[in-house]
C-alpha atoms as a PDB file:
ATOM      1  CA  MET A   1       0.000   0.000   0.000  1.00  0.00           C
ATOM      2  CA  LYS A   2       1.326   3.430  -0.954  1.00  0.00           C
ATOM      3  CA  VAL A   3      -0.429   6.498   0.434  1.00  0.00           C
ATOM      4  CA  LEU A   4      -0.039  10.062  -0.805  1.00  0.00           C
ATOM      5  CA  ILE A   5      -0.600  12.564   2.000  1.00  0.00           C
ATOM      6  CA  ALA A   6      -1.753  15.892   0.563  1.00  0.00           C
ATOM      7  CA  THR A   7      -1.599  18.948   2.809  1.00  0.00           C
ATOM      8  CA  ALA A   8      -1.158  22.716   2.797  1.00  0.00           C
ATOM      9  CA  MET A   9       0.218  22.604   6.352  1.00  0.00           C
ATOM     10  CA  TYR A  10       3.641  21.097   6.990  1.00  0.00           C
ATOM     11  CA  PRO A  11       6.529  22.115   9.263  1.00  0.00           C
ATOM     12  CA  THR A  12       9.225  24.443   7.974  1.00  0.00           C
ATOM     13  CA  GLU A  13      12.531  25.535   9.452  1.00  0.00           C
ATOM     14  CA  GLY A  14      11.026  28.929  10.277  1.00  0.00           C
ATOM     15  CA  ASN A  15       7.843  27.489  11.759  1.00  0.00           C
ATOM     16  CA  PRO A  16       8.386  23.912  12.987  1.00  0.00           C
ATOM     17  CA  ALA A  17       4.958  23.901  14.657  1.00  0.00           C
ATOM     18  CA  PHE A  18       3.051  24.544  11.408  1.00  0.00           C
ATOM     19  CA  GLY A  19       1.267  21.317  10.529  1.00  0.00           C
ATOM     20  CA  SER A  20       3.415  19.309  12.944  1.00  0.00           C
ATOM     21  CA  PHE A  21       0.442  16.977  13.461  1.00  0.00           C
ATOM     22  CA  VAL A  22       0.558  15.980   9.777  1.00  0.00           C
ATOM     23  CA  ARG A  23       4.275  15.256  10.006  1.00  0.00           C
ATOM     24  CA  CYS A  24       3.730  13.252  13.197  1.00  0.00           C
ATOM     25  CA  GLN A  25       1.052  11.126  11.540  1.00  0.00           C
ATOM     26  CA  GLU A  26       3.289  10.569   8.531  1.00  0.00           C
ATOM     27  CA  ILE A  27       6.109   9.315  10.776  1.00  0.00           C
ATOM     28  CA  PHE A  28       3.931   6.806  12.616  1.00  0.00           C
ATOM     29  CA  LEU A  29       2.371   5.516   9.395  1.00  0.00           C
ATOM     30  CA  ARG A  30       5.872   4.889   8.038  1.00  0.00           C
ATOM     31  CA  ARG A  31       6.828   3.063  11.226  1.00  0.00           C
ATOM     32  CA  ALA A  32       3.737   0.888  10.808  1.00  0.00           C
ATOM     33  CA  GLY A  33       4.978  -0.194   7.389  1.00  0.00           C
ATOM     34  CA  VAL A  34       2.965   2.093   5.110  1.00  0.00           C
ATOM     35  CA  ASP A  35       4.792   3.464   2.073  1.00  0.00           C
ATOM     36  CA  VAL A  36       4.085   7.198   2.383  1.00  0.00           C
ATOM     37  CA  ASP A  37       4.641  10.033  -0.081  1.00  0.00           C
ATOM     38  CA  VAL A  38       3.833  13.644   0.807  1.00  0.00           C
ATOM     39  CA  LEU A  39       2.549  16.461  -1.405  1.00  0.00           C
ATOM     40  CA  VAL A  40       2.792  19.852   0.299  1.00  0.00           C
ATOM     41  CA  LEU A  41       0.844  22.646  -1.392  1.00  0.00           C
ATOM     42  CA  ARG A  42       2.930  25.788  -1.014  1.00  0.00           C
ATOM     43  CA  GLY A  43       3.357  29.065  -2.819  1.00  0.00           C
ATOM     44  CA  ARG A  44       3.650  32.810  -2.424  1.00  0.00           C
ATOM     45  CA  TYR A  45      -0.032  33.346  -3.219  1.00  0.00           C
ATOM     46  CA  ARG A  46      -2.211  31.039  -1.124  1.00  0.00           C
ATOM     47  CA  LYS A  47      -5.220  31.206  -3.453  1.00  0.00           C
ATOM     48  CA  LEU A  48      -3.112  29.873  -6.319  1.00  0.00           C
ATOM     49  CA  ILE A  49      -1.694  26.837  -4.536  1.00  0.00           C
ATOM     50  CA  TYR A  50      -4.937  24.880  -4.904  1.00  0.00           C
ATOM     51  CA  PRO A  51      -5.352  25.089  -8.722  1.00  0.00           C
ATOM     52  CA  LYS A  52      -1.628  24.412  -9.044  1.00  0.00           C
ATOM     53  CA  GLY A  53      -2.006  21.511  -6.625  1.00  0.00           C
ATOM     54  CA  ILE A  54      -4.432  19.722  -8.964  1.00  0.00           C
ATOM     55  CA  PHE A  55      -1.689  19.334 -11.569  1.00  0.00           C
ATOM     56  CA  GLN A  56       0.951  18.481  -8.972  1.00  0.00           C
ATOM     57  CA  LEU A  57      -1.240  15.744  -7.531  1.00  0.00           C
ATOM     58  CA  ARG A  58      -2.103  14.190 -10.886  1.00  0.00           C
ATOM     59  CA  GLN A  59       1.597  13.854 -11.674  1.00  0.00           C
ATOM     60  CA  ARG A  60       2.121  11.799  -8.499  1.00  0.00           C
ATOM     61  CA  LEU A  61      -0.666   9.205  -8.883  1.00  0.00           C
ATOM     62  CA  ASN A  62       0.950   6.485 -11.003  1.00  0.00           C
ATOM     63  CA  ASP A  63       1.968   4.175  -8.160  1.00  0.00           C
ATOM     64  CA  ILE A  64      -0.353   5.547  -5.450  1.00  0.00           C
ATOM     65  CA  SER A  65      -2.979   3.328  -3.762  1.00  0.00           C
ATOM     66  CA  LEU A  66      -4.965   6.198  -2.227  1.00  0.00           C
ATOM     67  CA  VAL A  67      -4.754   9.865  -1.307  1.00  0.00           C
ATOM     68  CA  HIS A  68      -5.162  11.065   2.277  1.00  0.00           C
ATOM     69  CA  ALA A  69      -5.904  14.804   2.215  1.00  0.00           C
ATOM     70  CA  HIS A  70      -5.838  17.114   5.231  1.00  0.00           C
ATOM     71  CA  TYR A  71      -8.411  19.952   5.342  1.00  0.00           C
ATOM     72  CA  ALA A  72     -11.339  20.382   2.992  1.00  0.00           C
ATOM     73  CA  TYR A  73      -9.700  22.767   0.501  1.00  0.00           C
ATOM     74  CA  VAL A  74      -6.938  20.238  -0.087  1.00  0.00           C
ATOM     75  CA  GLY A  75      -9.677  17.617  -0.338  1.00  0.00           C
ATOM     76  CA  LEU A  76     -11.136  19.551  -3.275  1.00  0.00           C
ATOM     77  CA  VAL A  77      -7.756  19.351  -4.981  1.00  0.00           C
ATOM     78  CA  ALA A  78      -7.526  15.623  -4.293  1.00  0.00           C
ATOM     79  CA  ARG A  79     -11.066  14.951  -5.518  1.00  0.00           C
ATOM     80  CA  ALA A  80     -10.311  16.552  -8.878  1.00  0.00           C
ATOM     81  CA  GLN A  81      -9.295  13.013  -9.839  1.00  0.00           C
ATOM     82  CA  TRP A  82     -11.097   9.662  -9.575  1.00  0.00           C
ATOM     83  CA  GLN A  83      -8.168   7.432 -10.415  1.00  0.00           C
ATOM     84  CA  VAL A  84      -7.500   6.494  -6.777  1.00  0.00           C
ATOM     85  CA  PRO A  85      -9.664   6.622  -3.633  1.00  0.00           C
ATOM     86  CA  LEU A  86      -9.706   9.660  -1.361  1.00  0.00           C
ATOM     87  CA  VAL A  87      -9.622   9.739   2.436  1.00  0.00           C
ATOM     88  CA  LEU A  88     -10.232  13.249   3.790  1.00  0.00           C
ATOM     89  CA  THR A  89      -9.484  14.468   7.309  1.00  0.00           C
ATOM     90  CA  TYR A  90     -11.462  17.479   8.537  1.00  0.00           C
ATOM     91  CA  HIS A  91      -9.696  19.343  11.329  1.00  0.00           C
ATOM     92  CA  GLY A  92     -12.105  21.930  12.706  1.00  0.00           C
ATOM     93  CA  ASP A  93     -12.755  25.226  10.933  1.00  0.00           C
ATOM     94  CA  ASP A  94     -13.239  23.474   7.603  1.00  0.00           C
ATOM     95  CA  ALA A  95     -16.263  21.656   9.030  1.00  0.00           C
ATOM     96  CA  LEU A  96     -17.424  24.116  11.693  1.00  0.00           C
ATOM     97  CA  GLY A  97     -16.609  27.570  10.312  1.00  0.00           C
ATOM     98  CA  THR A  98     -13.952  30.134  11.214  1.00  0.00           C
ATOM     99  CA  VAL A  99     -14.307  32.000  14.501  1.00  0.00           C
ATOM    100  CA  THR A 100     -13.926  35.798  14.520  1.00  0.00           C
ATOM    101  CA  LYS A 101     -12.192  37.807  17.254  1.00  0.00           C
ATOM    102  CA  GLU A 102     -15.625  38.336  18.808  1.00  0.00           C
ATOM    103  CA  GLY A 103     -15.940  34.590  19.263  1.00  0.00           C
ATOM    104  CA  SER A 104     -18.686  34.003  16.718  1.00  0.00           C
ATOM    105  CA  VAL A 105     -18.836  32.323  13.318  1.00  0.00           C
ATOM    106  CA  SER A 106     -19.997  34.649  10.545  1.00  0.00           C
ATOM    107  CA  ARG A 107     -22.856  33.702   8.219  1.00  0.00           C
ATOM    108  CA  LYS A 108     -20.441  33.638   5.290  1.00  0.00           C
ATOM    109  CA  SER A 109     -18.119  31.249   7.117  1.00  0.00           C
ATOM    110  CA  ARG A 110     -21.021  28.956   8.036  1.00  0.00           C
ATOM    111  CA  ILE A 111     -21.986  28.754   4.368  1.00  0.00           C
ATOM    112  CA  VAL A 112     -18.389  27.967   3.372  1.00  0.00           C
ATOM    113  CA  ALA A 113     -18.171  25.263   6.059  1.00  0.00           C
ATOM    114  CA  ALA A 114     -21.453  23.748   4.887  1.00  0.00           C
ATOM    115  CA  GLY A 115     -20.032  23.607   1.368  1.00  0.00           C
ATOM    116  CA  CYS A 116     -16.860  21.975   2.675  1.00  0.00           C
ATOM    117  CA  ARG A 117     -18.928  19.330   4.449  1.00  0.00           C
ATOM    118  CA  LYS A 118     -20.715  18.531   1.179  1.00  0.00           C
ATOM    119  CA  LEU A 119     -17.392  17.271  -0.131  1.00  0.00           C
ATOM    120  CA  ALA A 120     -17.656  14.342   2.295  1.00  0.00           C
ATOM    121  CA  HIS A 121     -20.323  12.812   0.045  1.00  0.00           C
ATOM    122  CA  TYR A 122     -17.713  12.403  -2.697  1.00  0.00           C
ATOM    123  CA  CYS A 123     -14.988  10.899  -0.513  1.00  0.00           C
ATOM    124  CA  ASP A 124     -14.299   7.222   0.027  1.00  0.00           C
ATOM    125  CA  ALA A 125     -13.797   7.823   3.749  1.00  0.00           C
ATOM    126  CA  VAL A 126     -13.916  10.827   6.046  1.00  0.00           C
ATOM    127  CA  ILE A 127     -12.012  11.292   9.296  1.00  0.00           C
ATOM    128  CA  VAL A 128     -13.047  13.848  11.905  1.00  0.00           C
ATOM    129  CA  GLN A 129     -11.488  14.819  15.211  1.00  0.00           C
ATOM    130  CA  SER A 130     -14.378  14.454  17.632  1.00  0.00           C
ATOM    131  CA  LYS A 131     -17.919  13.169  18.093  1.00  0.00           C
ATOM    132  CA  ARG A 132     -19.143  16.771  17.945  1.00  0.00           C
ATOM    133  CA  MET A 133     -17.664  17.151  14.484  1.00  0.00           C
ATOM    134  CA  ALA A 134     -19.097  13.802  13.402  1.00  0.00           C
ATOM    135  CA  GLY A 135     -22.554  15.125  14.274  1.00  0.00           C
ATOM    136  CA  LYS A 136     -22.242  17.596  11.393  1.00  0.00           C
ATOM    137  CA  PHE A 137     -22.130  14.800   8.806  1.00  0.00           C
ATOM    138  CA  GLN A 138     -24.741  12.332   7.560  1.00  0.00           C
ATOM    139  CA  GLU A 139     -22.377  10.125   5.560  1.00  0.00           C
ATOM    140  CA  GLU A 140     -21.817   6.565   6.782  1.00  0.00           C
ATOM    141  CA  CYS A 141     -18.107   6.670   5.933  1.00  0.00           C
ATOM    142  CA  VAL A 142     -17.243   9.070   8.784  1.00  0.00           C
ATOM    143  CA  HIS A 143     -14.667   7.869  11.326  1.00  0.00           C
ATOM    144  CA  VAL A 144     -13.774   9.661  14.570  1.00  0.00           C
ATOM    145  CA  ILE A 145      -9.988   9.381  14.834  1.00  0.00           C
ATOM    146  CA  PRO A 146      -8.371  12.235  16.791  1.00  0.00           C
ATOM    147  CA  HIS A 147      -4.788  13.104  16.003  1.00  0.00           C
ATOM    148  CA  GLU A 148      -2.189  11.123  17.888  1.00  0.00           C
ATOM    149  CA  VAL A 149       0.189  12.306  20.583  1.00  0.00           C
ATOM    150  CA  ASP A 150       3.851  11.359  20.318  1.00  0.00           C
ATOM    151  CA  LEU A 151       4.420   9.845  23.752  1.00  0.00           C
ATOM    152  CA  ASP A 152       8.157   9.586  23.102  1.00  0.00           C
ATOM    153  CA  LYS A 153       8.481  13.354  22.700  1.00  0.00           C
ATOM    154  CA  PHE A 154       5.798  14.414  25.161  1.00  0.00           C
ATOM    155  CA  HIS A 155       6.603  12.922  28.540  1.00  0.00           C
ATOM    156  CA  PRO A 156       7.105  14.273  32.065  1.00  0.00           C
ATOM    157  CA  THR A 157      10.508  15.829  32.741  1.00  0.00           C
ATOM    158  CA  ASN A 158      11.688  17.042  36.140  1.00  0.00           C
ATOM    159  CA  ILE A 159      10.360  20.595  36.511  1.00  0.00           C
ATOM    160  CA  ASN A 160      13.658  22.028  37.786  1.00  0.00           C
ATOM    161  CA  ARG A 161      15.660  20.439  34.993  1.00  0.00           C
ATOM    162  CA  ALA A 162      13.159  21.692  32.388  1.00  0.00           C
ATOM    163  CA  ARG A 163      13.320  25.243  33.764  1.00  0.00           C
ATOM    164  CA  GLU A 164      17.105  25.199  33.758  1.00  0.00           C
ATOM    165  CA  GLN A 165      17.180  24.148  30.113  1.00  0.00           C
ATOM    166  CA  LEU A 166      14.747  26.931  29.189  1.00  0.00           C
ATOM    167  CA  GLY A 167      16.328  29.591  31.402  1.00  0.00           C
ATOM    168  CA  LEU A 168      13.204  30.030  33.523  1.00  0.00           C
ATOM    169  CA  SER A 169      13.044  31.062  37.170  1.00  0.00           C
ATOM    170  CA  HIS A 170      12.653  28.363  39.821  1.00  0.00           C
ATOM    171  CA  SER A 171      10.565  30.649  42.029  1.00  0.00           C
ATOM    172  CA  LYS A 172       7.860  31.829  39.621  1.00  0.00           C
ATOM    173  CA  ASN A 173       4.463  30.320  38.859  1.00  0.00           C
ATOM    174  CA  TYR A 174       4.253  29.830  35.102  1.00  0.00           C
ATOM    175  CA  VAL A 175       0.953  29.543  33.241  1.00  0.00           C
ATOM    176  CA  LEU A 176       1.390  28.339  29.663  1.00  0.00           C
ATOM    177  CA  PHE A 177      -0.557  29.652  26.669  1.00  0.00           C
ATOM    178  CA  ALA A 178       0.647  27.440  23.824  1.00  0.00           C
ATOM    179  CA  ALA A 179      -0.807  29.088  20.720  1.00  0.00           C
ATOM    180  CA  ASP A 180      -0.428  32.142  18.517  1.00  0.00           C
ATOM    181  CA  PRO A 181      -2.216  35.038  20.307  1.00  0.00           C
ATOM    182  CA  ALA A 182      -3.069  36.551  16.906  1.00  0.00           C
ATOM    183  CA  ILE A 183      -5.370  33.644  15.996  1.00  0.00           C
ATOM    184  CA  PRO A 184      -8.878  34.722  17.110  1.00  0.00           C
ATOM    185  CA  VAL A 185     -10.205  31.219  17.839  1.00  0.00           C
ATOM    186  CA  LYS A 186      -7.518  30.714  20.516  1.00  0.00           C
ATOM    187  CA  ASN A 187      -9.065  33.542  22.599  1.00  0.00           C
ATOM    188  CA  PHE A 188      -5.855  34.970  24.043  1.00  0.00           C
ATOM    189  CA  PRO A 189      -7.642  37.966  25.657  1.00  0.00           C
ATOM    190  CA  LEU A 190      -9.395  35.580  28.051  1.00  0.00           C
ATOM    191  CA  ALA A 191      -6.100  33.940  29.018  1.00  0.00           C
ATOM    192  CA  ASN A 192      -4.515  37.351  29.551  1.00  0.00           C
ATOM    193  CA  ALA A 193      -7.427  38.581  31.673  1.00  0.00           C
ATOM    194  CA  ALA A 194      -7.419  35.403  33.777  1.00  0.00           C
ATOM    195  CA  ALA A 195      -3.672  35.746  34.385  1.00  0.00           C
ATOM    196  CA  ALA A 196      -4.133  39.386  35.410  1.00  0.00           C
ATOM    197  CA  LEU A 197      -6.776  38.356  37.954  1.00  0.00           C
ATOM    198  CA  LEU A 198      -4.558  35.551  39.201  1.00  0.00           C
ATOM    199  CA  ARG A 199      -1.695  37.991  39.845  1.00  0.00           C
ATOM    200  CA  THR A 200      -3.891  39.916  42.296  1.00  0.00           C
ATOM    201  CA  ARG A 201      -4.244  36.739  44.392  1.00  0.00           C
ATOM    202  CA  THR A 202      -0.994  34.828  43.856  1.00  0.00           C
ATOM    203  CA  LYS A 203       2.580  36.090  43.844  1.00  0.00           C
ATOM    204  CA  ASP A 204       5.015  35.760  40.957  1.00  0.00           C
ATOM    205  CA  VAL A 205       2.629  34.603  38.229  1.00  0.00           C
ATOM    206  CA  GLU A 206       3.795  34.841  34.627  1.00  0.00           C
ATOM    207  CA  LEU A 207       1.783  33.999  31.532  1.00  0.00           C
ATOM    208  CA  LEU A 208       4.167  32.311  29.096  1.00  0.00           C
ATOM    209  CA  VAL A 209       3.126  32.565  25.441  1.00  0.00           C
ATOM    210  CA  VAL A 210       4.758  29.821  23.396  1.00  0.00           C
ATOM    211  CA  CYS A 211       4.242  29.182  19.682  1.00  0.00           C
ATOM    212  CA  ARG A 212       6.326  28.265  16.642  1.00  0.00           C
ATOM    213  CA  GLU A 213       8.508  25.998  18.777  1.00  0.00           C
ATOM    214  CA  THR A 214       9.776  22.540  17.940  1.00  0.00           C
ATOM    215  CA  GLN A 215       7.872  19.662  19.496  1.00  0.00           C
ATOM    216  CA  GLU A 216      10.850  18.913  21.754  1.00  0.00           C
ATOM    217  CA  ARG A 217      10.976  22.451  23.182  1.00  0.00           C
ATOM    218  CA  LEU A 218       7.195  22.584  23.540  1.00  0.00           C
ATOM    219  CA  ALA A 219       7.373  19.403  25.624  1.00  0.00           C
ATOM    220  CA  LEU A 220      10.021  21.059  27.824  1.00  0.00           C
ATOM    221  CA  TYR A 221       7.750  24.065  28.383  1.00  0.00           C
ATOM    222  CA  MET A 222       4.942  21.729  29.393  1.00  0.00           C
ATOM    223  CA  SER A 223       7.173  20.136  32.018  1.00  0.00           C
ATOM    224  CA  ALA A 224       8.500  23.519  33.171  1.00  0.00           C
ATOM    225  CA  CYS A 225       5.120  25.223  33.637  1.00  0.00           C
ATOM    226  CA  ASP A 226       2.594  24.867  36.441  1.00  0.00           C
ATOM    227  CA  ALA A 227      -0.571  24.931  34.334  1.00  0.00           C
ATOM    228  CA  LEU A 228      -1.879  25.156  30.780  1.00  0.00           C
ATOM    229  CA  VAL A 229      -4.569  27.716  30.023  1.00  0.00           C
ATOM    230  CA  PHE A 230      -6.700  26.808  27.016  1.00  0.00           C
ATOM    231  CA  PRO A 231      -9.625  29.211  26.437  1.00  0.00           C
ATOM    232  CA  SER A 232     -10.399  28.436  22.769  1.00  0.00           C
ATOM    233  CA  TYR A 233     -13.781  29.270  21.281  1.00  0.00           C
ATOM    234  CA  GLN A 234     -13.808  26.190  19.042  1.00  0.00           C
ATOM    235  CA  GLU A 235     -11.634  23.147  18.298  1.00  0.00           C
ATOM    236  CA  GLY A 236     -11.687  19.733  16.699  1.00  0.00           C
ATOM    237  CA  SER A 237      -9.373  17.701  18.911  1.00  0.00           C
ATOM    238  CA  PRO A 238      -6.684  20.101  20.141  1.00  0.00           C
ATOM    239  CA  ASN A 239      -3.234  18.554  20.086  1.00  0.00           C
ATOM    240  CA  ILE A 240      -1.998  20.889  22.813  1.00  0.00           C
ATOM    241  CA  ILE A 241      -4.440  19.331  25.279  1.00  0.00           C
ATOM    242  CA  LYS A 242      -3.274  15.795  24.507  1.00  0.00           C
ATOM    243  CA  GLN A 243       0.373  16.818  24.644  1.00  0.00           C
ATOM    244  CA  ALA A 244      -0.111  18.546  28.003  1.00  0.00           C
ATOM    245  CA  MET A 245      -1.850  15.448  29.334  1.00  0.00           C
ATOM    246  CA  ALA A 246       1.095  13.314  28.205  1.00  0.00           C
ATOM    247  CA  CYS A 247       3.371  15.609  30.254  1.00  0.00           C
ATOM    248  CA  ASN A 248       1.058  15.426  33.314  1.00  0.00           C
ATOM    249  CA  LEU A 249       0.508  19.196  33.139  1.00  0.00           C
ATOM    250  CA  PRO A 250      -2.617  20.524  34.935  1.00  0.00           C
ATOM    251  CA  ILE A 251      -5.097  22.190  32.560  1.00  0.00           C
ATOM    252  CA  VAL A 252      -7.898  24.743  32.618  1.00  0.00           C
ATOM    253  CA  ALA A 253      -9.847  24.691  29.358  1.00  0.00           C
ATOM    254  CA  THR A 254     -13.140  25.558  27.757  1.00  0.00           C
ATOM    255  CA  ASP A 255     -15.474  22.735  26.747  1.00  0.00           C
ATOM    256  CA  VAL A 256     -14.641  22.580  23.049  1.00  0.00           C
ATOM    257  CA  GLY A 257     -14.081  19.680  20.673  1.00  0.00           C
ATOM    258  CA  ASP A 258     -13.223  16.536  22.614  1.00  0.00           C
ATOM    259  CA  VAL A 259     -11.533  18.356  25.514  1.00  0.00           C
ATOM    260  CA  GLU A 260     -14.041  17.149  28.101  1.00  0.00           C
ATOM    261  CA  GLU A 261     -13.609  13.562  26.895  1.00  0.00           C
ATOM    262  CA  ILE A 262      -9.835  13.844  27.208  1.00  0.00           C
ATOM    263  CA  ILE A 263      -9.409  15.663  30.536  1.00  0.00           C
ATOM    264  CA  GLY A 264     -12.770  15.206  32.268  1.00  0.00           C
ATOM    265  CA  ARG A 265     -11.727  12.320  34.537  1.00  0.00           C
ATOM    266  CA  THR A 266      -8.306  13.679  35.488  1.00  0.00           C
ATOM    267  CA  ARG A 267      -7.743  15.273  38.877  1.00  0.00           C
ATOM    268  CA  GLY A 268      -6.031  18.631  38.463  1.00  0.00           C
ATOM    269  CA  CYS A 269      -7.691  19.364  35.114  1.00  0.00           C
ATOM    270  CA  TYR A 270     -10.729  21.634  34.894  1.00  0.00           C
ATOM    271  CA  ILE A 271     -13.407  22.507  32.349  1.00  0.00           C
ATOM    272  CA  SER A 272     -14.313  26.170  32.751  1.00  0.00           C
ATOM    273  CA  GLN A 273     -16.939  28.539  31.505  1.00  0.00           C
ATOM    274  CA  PRO A 274     -15.343  31.093  29.153  1.00  0.00           C
ATOM    275  CA  ASN A 275     -14.911  33.869  31.706  1.00  0.00           C
ATOM    276  CA  PRO A 276     -11.719  35.179  33.370  1.00  0.00           C
ATOM    277  CA  GLU A 277     -12.991  34.825  36.943  1.00  0.00           C
ATOM    278  CA  MET A 278     -13.645  31.083  36.689  1.00  0.00           C
ATOM    279  CA  PHE A 279     -10.406  30.492  34.812  1.00  0.00           C
ATOM    280  CA  ALA A 280      -8.459  32.415  37.469  1.00  0.00           C
ATOM    281  CA  ARG A 281     -10.154  30.485  40.270  1.00  0.00           C
ATOM    282  CA  PHE A 282      -9.276  27.100  38.762  1.00  0.00           C
ATOM    283  CA  LEU A 283      -5.714  28.249  38.039  1.00  0.00           C
ATOM    284  CA  GLY A 284      -5.407  29.357  41.664  1.00  0.00           C
ATOM    285  CA  THR A 285      -6.516  25.906  42.808  1.00  0.00           C
ATOM    286  CA  ILE A 286      -3.839  24.319  40.622  1.00  0.00           C
ATOM    287  CA  LEU A 287      -1.078  26.627  41.885  1.00  0.00           C
ATOM    288  CA  ALA A 288      -2.047  25.893  45.496  1.00  0.00           C
ATOM    289  CA  SER A 289      -1.509  22.166  44.931  1.00  0.00           C
ATOM    290  CA  PRO A 290       1.959  20.558  44.923  1.00  0.00           C
ATOM    291  CA  PHE A 291       0.835  17.763  42.611  1.00  0.00           C
ATOM    292  CA  ARG A 292       0.966  17.246  38.858  1.00  0.00           C
ATOM    293  CA  THR A 293      -1.720  15.151  37.156  1.00  0.00           C
ATOM    294  CA  ALA A 294      -1.878  11.534  36.019  1.00  0.00           C
ATOM    295  CA  GLY A 295      -3.036  12.708  32.600  1.00  0.00           C
ATOM    296  CA  ARG A 296      -0.589  10.581  30.660  1.00  0.00           C
ATOM    297  CA  ASP A 297      -2.622   7.461  31.436  1.00  0.00           C
ATOM    298  CA  GLU A 298      -5.685   9.085  29.823  1.00  0.00           C
ATOM    299  CA  VAL A 299      -4.062   9.620  26.411  1.00  0.00           C
ATOM    300  CA  LYS A 300      -2.224   6.334  25.940  1.00  0.00           C
ATOM    301  CA  HIS A 301      -5.041   5.178  23.650  1.00  0.00           C
ATOM    302  CA  LEU A 302      -4.054   8.068  21.350  1.00  0.00           C
ATOM    303  CA  SER A 303      -0.440   6.997  20.964  1.00  0.00           C
ATOM    304  CA  GLY A 304       1.053   7.325  17.501  1.00  0.00           C
ATOM    305  CA  GLU A 305       1.164   3.567  17.058  1.00  0.00           C
ATOM    306  CA  LEU A 306      -2.493   2.987  17.945  1.00  0.00           C
ATOM    307  CA  VAL A 307      -3.786   5.866  15.816  1.00  0.00           C
ATOM    308  CA  ALA A 308      -1.698   4.663  12.864  1.00  0.00           C
ATOM    309  CA  ASP A 309      -3.285   1.220  13.228  1.00  0.00           C
ATOM    310  CA  ARG A 310      -6.756   2.780  13.087  1.00  0.00           C
ATOM    311  CA  LEU A 311      -5.856   4.787   9.988  1.00  0.00           C
ATOM    312  CA  ILE A 312      -4.517   1.691   8.269  1.00  0.00           C
ATOM    313  CA  GLN A 313      -7.806  -0.081   8.997  1.00  0.00           C
ATOM    314  CA  VAL A 314      -9.639   2.773   7.241  1.00  0.00           C
ATOM    315  CA  TYR A 315      -7.245   2.619   4.276  1.00  0.00           C
ATOM    316  CA  GLU A 316      -7.667  -1.153   3.961  1.00  0.00           C
ATOM    317  CA  GLU A 317     -11.453  -0.879   4.146  1.00  0.00           C
ATOM    318  CA  VAL A 318     -11.459   1.769   1.396  1.00  0.00           C
ATOM    319  CA  LEU A 319      -9.196  -0.288  -0.865  1.00  0.00           C
ATOM    320  CA  ARG A 320     -11.195  -3.464  -0.233  1.00  0.00           C
ATOM    321  CA  ARG A 321     -14.429  -1.671  -1.122  1.00  0.00           C
ATOM    322  CA  ARG A 322     -12.858  -0.214  -4.270  1.00  0.00           C
ATOM    323  CA  TYR A 323     -11.672  -3.702  -5.303  1.00  0.00           C
ATOM    324  CA  THR A 324     -15.093  -5.263  -4.646  1.00  0.00           C
ATOM    325  CA  ASN A 325     -16.847  -2.551  -6.638  1.00  0.00           C
ATOM    326  CA  SER A 326     -14.456  -2.997  -9.559  1.00  0.00           C
ATOM    327  CA  LEU A 327     -15.154  -6.743  -9.611  1.00  0.00           C
ATOM    328  CA  SER A 328     -18.897  -6.100  -9.581  1.00  0.00           C
ATOM    329  CA  SER A 329     -18.627  -3.737 -12.541  1.00  0.00           C
ATOM    330  CA  LEU A 330     -16.644  -6.341 -14.501  1.00  0.00           C
ATOM    331  CA  ARG A 331     -19.384  -8.940 -14.028  1.00  0.00           C
ATOM    332  CA  PHE A 332     -21.858  -6.683 -15.753  1.00  0.00           C
END
């Protein structure tokens, strides 16, 4: 089996976090024995990469068993051919709409997302990140397979050793915001307001904003910090949550995507209403406790190896169905 992964998000030297989840999935599929090729749609003008991508993809199909596209726009590129089957992973905004800085989804974005979901009808299999996302689709070929967490990279490290490596103070309380503050859906203003409230009640609190880091350094920050603040308006299955759990980092998060499923049973992790006061209160509870969490045990079922096995099952089912259908057409 040879799979072509098609994506417009893939890590670069300047931004190693960009599409790191696609790279991670690629690595674990290779380890599981899948022959993987990758087509990255890139270009100076983003609107032009998709038409160009149609020709790039067609040139790569000769020995490909199926295409696995990430995000709906790339799925449109991949579905411009019917030579090989298409598996499409929806990640969040492409199925739910894009959130504005006010925290709402515009009418235009809802229409675009509805159009993106229509593409599922023309795919051989669809993968979504959470049960909530799956509820937006009527197709029978929808599989809920959240992105994996690399348990080899994301693991607990001694807090003092992690802080030394990062040059952080041993006496401060660090709250981690692990996203780009400029992305509206991540709701940085809430995190900032909660941290400001927390400083009025607890000494030496610093909100650490970390983005565009390698996975290895991100894991160090998760071991060095006292809590993760995650106030997003909307998500599919946020990788940051799973990575923090793998590092046993306490979490305060809004109830988005599959966050409640992931952290809901873990002591030291809290689901909060999206207001600064409640976030600050839960963060204060975490900082008053000397304990980390046992979150790692709750994400072992999302290890890279197990998720790769589930993806391979989807691939094999798609190829088996394609083979059966081709035999049926030959009989007639």
